[in-house]
Protein backbone atom coordinates (compact mmCIF):
# COMPACT_ATOMS: atom_id res chain seq x y z
CA MET A 1 -83.65 -238.15 156.84
CA LYS A 2 -81.20 -235.27 156.97
CA VAL A 3 -82.73 -231.81 156.95
CA GLU A 4 -80.61 -228.87 155.85
CA VAL A 5 -81.17 -225.70 157.83
CA GLU A 6 -81.09 -222.40 155.95
CA LEU A 7 -81.63 -218.76 156.78
CA PRO A 8 -84.70 -217.29 155.06
CA SER A 9 -83.97 -214.86 152.24
CA GLU A 10 -85.99 -212.25 154.17
CA ILE A 11 -82.98 -211.83 156.49
CA GLY A 12 -81.74 -209.34 153.90
CA ASN A 13 -84.61 -206.99 154.79
CA ILE A 14 -83.14 -206.24 158.23
CA ILE A 15 -80.82 -203.68 156.69
CA HIS A 16 -79.86 -202.02 159.99
CA LEU A 17 -78.66 -205.26 161.57
CA ARG A 18 -75.27 -204.87 163.26
CA PHE A 19 -74.58 -208.39 164.57
CA LEU A 20 -75.31 -211.78 162.98
CA SER A 21 -74.14 -215.11 164.40
CA VAL A 22 -75.08 -218.68 163.52
CA ARG A 23 -72.18 -220.14 165.48
CA GLY A 24 -72.71 -223.76 166.51
CA SER A 25 -75.69 -224.27 164.21
CA LYS A 26 -75.94 -226.82 161.39
CA MET A 27 -76.60 -224.42 158.57
CA LYS A 28 -74.98 -225.24 155.26
CA ARG A 29 -76.14 -222.48 152.93
CA PHE A 30 -76.92 -218.79 153.21
CA PRO A 31 -79.05 -216.61 150.93
CA SER A 32 -77.39 -214.03 148.68
CA SER A 33 -79.71 -211.44 150.26
CA LEU A 34 -77.18 -211.25 153.11
CA GLY A 35 -75.40 -208.77 150.89
CA ASN A 36 -78.11 -206.24 151.77
CA LEU A 37 -76.89 -206.11 155.39
CA ILE A 38 -74.59 -203.19 154.67
CA CYS A 39 -74.58 -202.00 158.30
CA LEU A 40 -73.36 -205.32 159.68
CA GLN A 41 -70.32 -205.05 161.95
CA THR A 42 -69.93 -208.64 163.17
CA LEU A 43 -70.53 -211.74 161.05
CA ASP A 44 -70.03 -215.16 162.64
CA PHE A 45 -70.43 -218.14 160.29
CA ARG A 46 -68.66 -220.72 162.50
CA VAL A 47 -71.20 -223.51 162.05
CA GLN A 48 -70.93 -227.18 163.02
CA LYS A 49 -71.40 -228.56 159.54
CA SER A 50 -68.30 -229.05 157.42
CA HIS A 51 -67.81 -227.38 154.06
CA MET A 52 -70.60 -224.86 154.22
CA VAL A 53 -71.13 -222.60 151.21
CA ILE A 54 -70.28 -218.92 151.72
CA PRO A 55 -72.15 -216.53 149.40
CA ASN A 56 -69.87 -214.07 147.63
CA VAL A 57 -71.56 -211.01 149.12
CA ILE A 58 -69.29 -210.18 152.06
CA TRP A 59 -67.53 -207.51 149.99
CA ASN A 60 -70.70 -205.38 150.18
CA MET A 61 -70.67 -205.31 154.01
CA LYS A 62 -68.17 -202.47 154.15
CA HIS A 63 -68.73 -201.72 157.84
CA LEU A 64 -67.71 -205.21 158.96
CA ARG A 65 -65.22 -205.22 161.81
CA HIS A 66 -65.19 -208.89 162.81
CA ILE A 67 -65.52 -211.76 160.31
CA TYR A 68 -65.56 -215.37 161.51
CA LEU A 69 -65.74 -218.15 158.93
CA PRO A 70 -65.50 -221.91 159.62
CA ILE A 71 -62.16 -223.63 159.10
CA HIS A 72 -63.71 -225.64 156.23
CA TYR A 73 -65.93 -223.87 153.71
CA THR A 74 -66.54 -223.55 149.98
CA ALA A 75 -67.49 -220.60 147.80
CA ARG A 76 -68.42 -219.91 144.21
CA GLY A 77 -65.33 -218.14 142.98
CA ASN A 78 -63.00 -216.06 145.12
CA LEU A 79 -64.49 -214.17 148.05
CA LYS A 80 -63.74 -210.48 147.61
CA LEU A 81 -62.31 -208.95 150.78
CA SER A 82 -60.43 -205.86 149.60
CA THR A 83 -63.39 -203.54 150.33
CA LEU A 84 -63.50 -204.39 154.05
CA GLY A 85 -61.19 -201.63 155.23
CA HIS A 86 -62.76 -201.43 158.71
CA SER A 87 -62.18 -205.11 159.50
CA GLN A 88 -60.20 -205.82 162.66
CA THR A 89 -60.69 -209.62 162.67
CA LEU A 90 -60.49 -211.95 159.67
CA ASP A 91 -61.00 -215.58 160.60
CA VAL A 92 -60.52 -217.71 158.37
CA LEU A 93 -58.96 -216.61 155.07
CA SER A 94 -58.67 -219.76 152.95
CA THR A 95 -56.16 -219.47 150.11
CA GLU A 96 -58.46 -221.73 148.08
CA TYR A 97 -61.32 -219.23 148.03
CA CYS A 98 -59.68 -215.91 148.95
CA ASP A 99 -56.91 -213.83 147.45
CA LEU A 100 -54.20 -213.03 149.98
CA LYS A 101 -53.53 -209.82 148.04
CA ASP A 102 -56.77 -208.41 149.45
CA VAL A 103 -55.37 -208.08 152.97
CA ALA A 104 -52.98 -205.32 151.88
CA GLY A 105 -55.83 -202.80 152.02
CA LEU A 106 -57.23 -203.93 155.37
CA THR A 107 -55.35 -201.35 157.41
CA SER A 108 -57.46 -201.86 160.56
CA LEU A 109 -56.81 -205.61 160.71
CA ARG A 110 -55.36 -206.86 163.99
CA LYS A 111 -56.30 -210.57 164.01
CA LEU A 112 -55.61 -212.73 160.95
CA ASN A 113 -56.25 -216.47 160.56
CA ILE A 114 -54.97 -218.06 157.35
CA LYS A 115 -55.71 -221.53 156.02
CA LEU A 116 -53.09 -222.64 153.50
CA ALA A 117 -55.22 -224.87 151.29
CA ASN A 118 -52.92 -224.47 148.30
CA SER A 119 -49.59 -222.87 147.50
CA VAL A 120 -49.73 -219.08 147.13
CA GLU A 121 -48.05 -217.78 143.98
CA ASN A 122 -45.77 -214.75 144.33
CA LEU A 123 -46.16 -214.86 148.10
CA GLU A 124 -43.00 -212.87 148.72
CA GLU A 125 -44.27 -209.98 146.59
CA ILE A 126 -47.71 -210.10 148.21
CA LEU A 127 -46.25 -209.96 151.72
CA LYS A 128 -43.93 -207.14 150.75
CA SER A 129 -46.80 -205.03 149.38
CA ALA A 130 -48.81 -205.68 152.56
CA GLY A 131 -45.84 -205.04 154.84
CA SER A 132 -47.15 -201.98 156.67
CA MET A 133 -50.49 -203.69 157.37
CA LEU A 134 -48.90 -206.95 158.53
CA ASN A 135 -46.76 -205.05 161.02
CA ARG A 136 -50.00 -204.09 162.77
CA ILE A 137 -51.21 -207.68 163.18
CA ARG A 138 -51.37 -208.70 166.85
CA SER A 139 -52.82 -212.22 166.55
CA LEU A 140 -51.82 -214.66 163.78
CA PHE A 141 -53.00 -218.22 163.15
CA VAL A 142 -51.67 -220.24 160.21
CA TYR A 143 -53.38 -223.56 159.50
CA ILE A 144 -52.07 -226.01 156.91
CA ASP A 145 -54.76 -228.07 155.22
CA TYR A 146 -53.73 -231.68 155.79
CA ASN A 147 -55.29 -232.96 152.57
CA SER A 148 -53.29 -230.47 150.54
CA ALA A 149 -50.14 -230.89 152.59
CA ARG A 150 -49.77 -234.42 151.30
CA LYS A 151 -49.35 -233.06 147.81
CA SER A 152 -46.91 -230.23 148.45
CA SER A 153 -44.96 -228.58 151.21
CA TYR A 154 -45.87 -225.20 152.65
CA GLU A 155 -43.08 -224.98 155.20
CA GLU A 156 -41.33 -222.04 153.58
CA GLN A 157 -44.60 -220.17 153.05
CA VAL A 158 -45.51 -220.54 156.73
CA ARG A 159 -42.14 -219.08 157.71
CA GLN A 160 -42.55 -216.23 155.21
CA ILE A 161 -45.95 -215.29 156.63
CA VAL A 162 -44.77 -215.42 160.24
CA SER A 163 -41.63 -213.44 159.37
CA SER A 164 -43.82 -210.67 157.94
CA CYS A 165 -45.77 -210.21 161.20
CA ARG A 166 -43.02 -209.21 163.61
CA HIS A 167 -45.20 -207.40 166.15
CA ILE A 168 -47.62 -210.22 166.94
CA TYR A 169 -48.68 -210.84 170.52
CA LYS A 170 -50.27 -214.23 169.86
CA LEU A 171 -49.19 -216.93 167.37
CA LYS A 172 -50.86 -220.27 166.58
CA LEU A 173 -49.39 -222.70 164.06
CA PHE A 174 -51.23 -225.85 163.04
CA GLY A 175 -49.72 -228.29 160.57
CA PRO A 176 -46.46 -229.97 159.55
CA THR A 177 -43.55 -227.54 159.49
CA ALA A 178 -40.13 -228.67 160.67
CA GLU A 179 -38.56 -225.28 161.37
CA LEU A 180 -39.55 -221.96 162.90
CA PRO A 181 -38.35 -218.58 161.60
CA LYS A 182 -34.86 -218.13 163.06
CA GLU A 183 -35.63 -214.54 164.05
CA LEU A 184 -38.65 -215.51 166.18
CA HIS A 185 -36.63 -214.96 169.36
CA SER A 186 -36.35 -211.28 168.45
CA TYR A 187 -40.12 -210.66 168.30
CA PRO A 188 -40.56 -208.10 171.10
CA ASN A 189 -44.28 -208.59 171.75
CA LEU A 190 -44.74 -212.34 171.32
CA ALA A 191 -46.33 -213.59 174.55
CA GLN A 192 -48.55 -216.52 173.53
CA LEU A 193 -47.53 -219.40 171.26
CA GLN A 194 -49.37 -222.58 170.31
CA LEU A 195 -47.89 -225.35 168.14
CA ARG A 196 -50.16 -228.19 167.07
CA ARG A 197 -49.15 -231.15 164.89
CA TYR A 198 -46.21 -229.06 163.84
CA GLY A 199 -43.50 -231.72 163.60
CA LEU A 200 -40.65 -229.50 164.75
CA LYS A 201 -37.08 -230.71 164.64
CA GLU A 202 -35.60 -231.28 168.08
CA ASP A 203 -33.10 -228.42 167.71
CA GLN A 204 -35.95 -225.91 167.33
CA MET A 205 -36.37 -225.85 171.11
CA GLY A 206 -33.34 -223.56 171.08
CA ILE A 207 -35.41 -220.93 169.25
CA LEU A 208 -38.50 -221.36 171.43
CA GLU A 209 -36.71 -220.99 174.74
CA LYS A 210 -35.06 -217.72 173.67
CA ILE A 211 -38.32 -215.83 173.04
CA PRO A 212 -37.86 -213.21 175.77
CA ASN A 213 -41.44 -212.25 176.63
CA LEU A 214 -43.22 -215.56 176.02
CA THR A 215 -45.64 -216.15 178.91
CA THR A 216 -47.85 -218.92 177.49
CA LEU A 217 -46.74 -221.99 175.50
CA ARG A 218 -49.00 -224.78 174.28
CA LEU A 219 -47.45 -227.87 172.69
CA ILE A 220 -50.22 -230.07 171.28
CA ASN A 221 -50.32 -233.39 169.38
CA GLU A 222 -46.94 -234.12 167.82
CA ALA A 223 -45.60 -230.61 168.19
CA PHE A 224 -42.20 -232.18 167.54
CA GLU A 225 -41.25 -234.74 164.88
CA GLU A 226 -41.92 -238.41 165.58
CA ASN A 227 -38.32 -239.42 166.28
CA THR A 228 -38.01 -236.82 169.04
CA LYS A 229 -38.02 -238.89 172.21
CA ILE A 230 -36.41 -236.51 174.69
CA LEU A 231 -37.71 -233.03 175.53
CA VAL A 232 -35.13 -230.73 177.14
CA PHE A 233 -35.84 -227.38 178.79
CA SER A 234 -32.35 -225.98 179.32
CA LYS A 235 -30.92 -223.63 181.93
CA GLY A 236 -31.95 -220.02 181.33
CA GLY A 237 -34.60 -221.02 178.81
CA PHE A 238 -38.12 -219.54 178.79
CA PRO A 239 -37.30 -216.72 181.26
CA SER A 240 -40.83 -215.24 181.23
CA LEU A 241 -42.95 -218.38 180.80
CA GLU A 242 -45.86 -218.54 183.26
CA PHE A 243 -48.13 -221.21 181.74
CA LEU A 244 -47.03 -224.40 179.96
CA PHE A 245 -49.59 -226.77 178.42
CA VAL A 246 -48.30 -230.06 177.02
CA TYR A 247 -50.93 -232.29 175.40
CA GLY A 248 -50.87 -235.46 173.31
CA MET A 249 -47.08 -235.56 172.90
CA ARG A 250 -47.08 -239.34 172.53
CA GLU A 251 -43.62 -239.47 170.99
CA ILE A 252 -41.88 -238.08 174.09
CA THR A 253 -40.51 -240.73 176.48
CA GLU A 254 -38.25 -238.53 178.59
CA TRP A 255 -38.55 -234.92 179.75
CA ARG A 256 -35.69 -233.00 181.31
CA VAL A 257 -36.02 -229.66 183.09
CA GLU A 258 -32.63 -228.18 183.97
CA GLU A 259 -32.11 -225.95 186.99
CA GLY A 260 -32.73 -222.35 185.94
CA ALA A 261 -35.26 -223.20 183.21
CA MET A 262 -38.72 -221.57 183.33
CA PRO A 263 -38.03 -219.58 186.54
CA SER A 264 -41.40 -217.78 186.31
CA LEU A 265 -43.61 -220.81 185.65
CA CYS A 266 -46.83 -220.72 187.71
CA ARG A 267 -49.07 -223.25 185.95
CA LEU A 268 -48.17 -226.56 184.32
CA HIS A 269 -50.63 -228.87 182.58
CA ILE A 270 -49.47 -232.28 181.30
CA GLU A 271 -52.14 -234.31 179.52
CA TYR A 272 -52.21 -237.50 177.42
CA CYS A 273 -48.44 -237.79 176.95
CA ARG A 274 -48.61 -241.55 177.23
CA GLY A 275 -44.93 -242.19 176.52
CA LEU A 276 -43.87 -240.49 179.75
CA THR A 277 -43.54 -242.85 182.69
CA THR A 278 -42.00 -240.37 185.12
CA LEU A 279 -42.10 -236.63 185.76
CA PRO A 280 -38.94 -234.57 185.21
CA ASP A 281 -36.70 -234.28 188.27
CA GLY A 282 -36.35 -230.58 187.51
CA LEU A 283 -39.89 -229.83 188.71
CA ARG A 284 -38.36 -229.36 192.15
CA TYR A 285 -36.51 -226.30 190.79
CA LEU A 286 -39.75 -224.56 189.76
CA THR A 287 -40.22 -222.68 193.01
CA ASN A 288 -42.93 -220.39 191.60
CA LEU A 289 -45.11 -223.28 190.42
CA ARG A 290 -48.57 -222.94 191.98
CA GLU A 291 -50.71 -225.29 189.91
CA LEU A 292 -49.96 -228.72 188.43
CA THR A 293 -52.53 -230.66 186.39
CA ILE A 294 -51.88 -234.24 185.29
CA THR A 295 -54.40 -236.36 183.39
CA GLY A 296 -54.56 -239.12 180.79
CA MET A 297 -51.00 -240.26 181.44
CA SER A 298 -49.65 -243.81 181.69
CA LYS A 299 -50.72 -245.93 184.65
CA GLU A 300 -47.08 -246.17 185.70
CA LEU A 301 -46.74 -242.40 185.94
CA HIS A 302 -50.03 -242.05 187.80
CA SER A 303 -48.83 -244.56 190.37
CA ARG A 304 -45.56 -242.65 190.83
CA ILE A 305 -47.32 -239.36 191.65
CA GLN A 306 -49.30 -240.78 194.55
CA GLU A 307 -48.37 -239.48 197.99
CA ASP A 308 -46.24 -242.56 198.61
CA GLY A 309 -44.93 -242.66 195.02
CA GLU A 310 -41.41 -242.05 193.74
CA ASP A 311 -42.28 -238.78 191.97
CA PHE A 312 -44.26 -237.12 194.76
CA CYS A 313 -41.19 -235.37 196.19
CA LYS A 314 -40.66 -233.57 192.87
CA PHE A 315 -43.78 -231.43 193.22
CA GLN A 316 -44.74 -231.57 196.89
CA HIS A 317 -44.05 -227.81 197.10
CA VAL A 318 -46.89 -227.08 194.64
CA PRO A 319 -50.04 -225.79 196.46
CA SER A 320 -52.58 -227.00 193.88
CA LEU A 321 -52.50 -230.47 192.34
CA VAL A 322 -55.21 -231.72 189.97
CA VAL A 323 -54.98 -235.36 188.91
CA GLY A 324 -57.36 -236.91 186.39
CA GLU A 325 -57.75 -240.52 185.34
CA ALA A 326 -54.92 -242.55 183.84
CA TYR A 327 -55.15 -243.43 180.17
């Protein structure tokens, strides 16, 4: 028998509470008395259970600085967020249960995670009115709800949102979008980028490799479209990149690293890219590489990276090698 775990309504009596976290628990519902916690500064609702119900009382917690909601949740009506002017972190704003217009007044916001669960009407006007606030965002995560994405495309809306946050330091994009904003290479502060199940066109690598101050790049689970078989890191590309993480890129069968690409790379992790049967010859050009991690690859590739294998000479200059099990 399944037992639902709930917070007691008496939690609302602890009116001077500053921090409340139920992260990792299996709670599904919360009492409306949470609205009495008007001194709360951090609220963490990232529970294990899917589709938890968020009470519409967050608006009353006007001293909140950090709000963490699960990626999947429900609410009765729209959650009001416009009163949370002290908030620095808003994770996750679902367009199904929140009004994106509310972020315009959150002038202290620095970290914003958005779940596009449905198409946002008048998005261009909303972003324009919130322009000064969005320019202060340092960390942006845009997640496309896969169930909704089958019904309509949000590609243009993702690009519009990213284009409105030009001073971000960290960017995470999750969901099918074929093209990046063309001006991404001109973002002066962008240092960390993660693309997951993004489905990029092959020619988009030309935008990625021109981001001048990018130090960390994570390409995860079909970051490029399915018919992309060859991954090319060209000469002069990724001049500042220090850490590259490539995971679950099953569609890639060949990887080329040209001489002069990624001159600053120190750490390289390649995991579960089962289509690759050999490492790129260009690894020998990465003279600053200090750590190479390989795991979950094809048995053929794992045999080639043994000390007597054909690929060993490509990375024998790397001081630290971590090899996991073959897939």
